[in-house]
């Protein structure tokens, strides 16, 4: 399964990561690599829990990038 994540720095210069869709998973870490590993683990554990309970997996979320013209041309 593929999920889109968002990574940013907090006020303490730690990395914070969230996977907003479909369920709002969040994690953090001291490095980008650690942060990504942590969110993958959180998602995996959550999916395993859903499977054990017999609950449905999250539906895929379609995402697109759009370009918005902004500012003065020329």
C-alpha atoms as a PDB file:
ATOM      1  CA  UNK A   1       0.000   0.000   0.000  1.00  0.00           C
ATOM      2  CA  UNK A   2       1.166   3.525  -0.674  1.00  0.00           C
ATOM      3  CA  UNK A   3       0.478   6.542   1.498  1.00  0.00           C
ATOM      4  CA  UNK A   4       1.475  10.173   1.072  1.00  0.00           C
ATOM      5  CA  UNK A   5       3.275  11.697   4.036  1.00  0.00           C
ATOM      6  CA  UNK A   6       4.108  15.283   4.963  1.00  0.00           C
ATOM      7  CA  UNK A   7       7.368  16.089   6.765  1.00  0.00           C
ATOM      8  CA  UNK A   8       8.186  19.360   8.513  1.00  0.00           C
ATOM      9  CA  UNK A   9      10.381  20.679  11.327  1.00  0.00           C
ATOM     10  CA  UNK A  10       8.981  21.555  14.723  1.00  0.00           C
ATOM     11  CA  UNK A  11      10.195  24.371  16.978  1.00  0.00           C
ATOM     12  CA  UNK A  12      12.895  22.071  18.408  1.00  0.00           C
ATOM     13  CA  UNK A  13      14.229  21.267  14.898  1.00  0.00           C
ATOM     14  CA  UNK A  14      12.943  17.688  15.122  1.00  0.00           C
ATOM     15  CA  UNK A  15      11.231  16.208  12.116  1.00  0.00           C
ATOM     16  CA  UNK A  16       7.483  15.719  12.383  1.00  0.00           C
ATOM     17  CA  UNK A  17       5.618  13.541   9.921  1.00  0.00           C
ATOM     18  CA  UNK A  18       1.964  12.971   9.266  1.00  0.00           C
ATOM     19  CA  UNK A  19      -0.026  10.828   6.930  1.00  0.00           C
ATOM     20  CA  UNK A  20      -3.262  12.811   6.794  1.00  0.00           C
ATOM     21  CA  UNK A  21      -5.272  10.399   4.697  1.00  0.00           C
ATOM     22  CA  UNK A  22      -6.928   8.154   5.400  1.00  0.00           C
ATOM     23  CA  UNK A  23      -6.637   8.127   9.230  1.00  0.00           C
ATOM     24  CA  UNK A  24      -4.259  10.857  10.380  1.00  0.00           C
ATOM     25  CA  UNK A  25      -1.190   8.880  11.492  1.00  0.00           C
ATOM     26  CA  UNK A  26       1.603  10.977  13.038  1.00  0.00           C
ATOM     27  CA  UNK A  27       5.169  10.409  14.236  1.00  0.00           C
ATOM     28  CA  UNK A  28       8.502  12.199  14.665  1.00  0.00           C
ATOM     29  CA  UNK A  29      12.251  11.650  14.721  1.00  0.00           C
ATOM     30  CA  UNK A  30      15.654  13.304  14.940  1.00  0.00           C
ATOM     31  CA  UNK A  31      16.544  12.671  11.288  1.00  0.00           C
ATOM     32  CA  UNK A  32      14.531  12.474   8.096  1.00  0.00           C
ATOM     33  CA  UNK A  33      15.376   8.779   7.750  1.00  0.00           C
ATOM     34  CA  UNK A  34      14.367   7.972  11.335  1.00  0.00           C
ATOM     35  CA  UNK A  35      11.145   9.923  10.897  1.00  0.00           C
ATOM     36  CA  UNK A  36      10.188   8.020   7.760  1.00  0.00           C
ATOM     37  CA  UNK A  37      11.001   4.695   9.427  1.00  0.00           C
ATOM     38  CA  UNK A  38       8.842   5.689  12.410  1.00  0.00           C
ATOM     39  CA  UNK A  39       5.790   6.579  10.300  1.00  0.00           C
ATOM     40  CA  UNK A  40       6.143   3.362   8.309  1.00  0.00           C
ATOM     41  CA  UNK A  41       6.172   1.407  11.565  1.00  0.00           C
ATOM     42  CA  UNK A  42       3.125   3.299  12.882  1.00  0.00           C
ATOM     43  CA  UNK A  43       1.183   2.635   9.687  1.00  0.00           C
ATOM     44  CA  UNK A  44       2.196  -1.042   9.609  1.00  0.00           C
ATOM     45  CA  UNK A  45       1.152  -1.588  13.231  1.00  0.00           C
ATOM     46  CA  UNK A  46      -2.158   0.142  12.595  1.00  0.00           C
ATOM     47  CA  UNK A  47      -2.862  -1.993   9.517  1.00  0.00           C
ATOM     48  CA  UNK A  48      -1.946  -5.157  11.426  1.00  0.00           C
ATOM     49  CA  UNK A  49      -4.364  -4.130  14.184  1.00  0.00           C
ATOM     50  CA  UNK A  50      -7.142  -3.561  11.636  1.00  0.00           C
ATOM     51  CA  UNK A  51      -6.468  -6.976  10.119  1.00  0.00           C
ATOM     52  CA  UNK A  52      -6.498  -8.726  13.517  1.00  0.00           C
ATOM     53  CA  UNK A  53      -9.845  -7.137  14.388  1.00  0.00           C
ATOM     54  CA  UNK A  54     -11.287  -7.913  10.962  1.00  0.00           C
ATOM     55  CA  UNK A  55     -11.888  -4.246  10.245  1.00  0.00           C
ATOM     56  CA  UNK A  56     -11.644  -2.958   6.673  1.00  0.00           C
ATOM     57  CA  UNK A  57      -8.425  -1.417   5.425  1.00  0.00           C
ATOM     58  CA  UNK A  58      -8.477   2.282   4.504  1.00  0.00           C
ATOM     59  CA  UNK A  59      -9.610   3.053   0.988  1.00  0.00           C
ATOM     60  CA  UNK A  60      -6.969   4.377  -1.394  1.00  0.00           C
ATOM     61  CA  UNK A  61      -6.835   8.146  -1.599  1.00  0.00           C
ATOM     62  CA  UNK A  62      -6.278   9.751  -4.963  1.00  0.00           C
ATOM     63  CA  UNK A  63      -3.994  12.762  -4.922  1.00  0.00           C
ATOM     64  CA  UNK A  64      -2.936  15.189  -7.573  1.00  0.00           C
ATOM     65  CA  UNK A  65      -0.637  18.186  -7.680  1.00  0.00           C
ATOM     66  CA  UNK A  66      -2.112  21.308  -9.177  1.00  0.00           C
ATOM     67  CA  UNK A  67      -0.401  24.442 -10.391  1.00  0.00           C
ATOM     68  CA  UNK A  68      -1.944  27.738  -9.409  1.00  0.00           C
ATOM     69  CA  UNK A  69      -0.840  30.871 -11.232  1.00  0.00           C
ATOM     70  CA  UNK A  70       0.040  33.485  -8.641  1.00  0.00           C
ATOM     71  CA  UNK A  71       1.855  36.764  -8.758  1.00  0.00           C
ATOM     72  CA  UNK A  72       2.556  39.251 -11.514  1.00  0.00           C
ATOM     73  CA  UNK A  73       3.554  37.917 -14.903  1.00  0.00           C
ATOM     74  CA  UNK A  74       6.512  39.357 -16.745  1.00  0.00           C
END
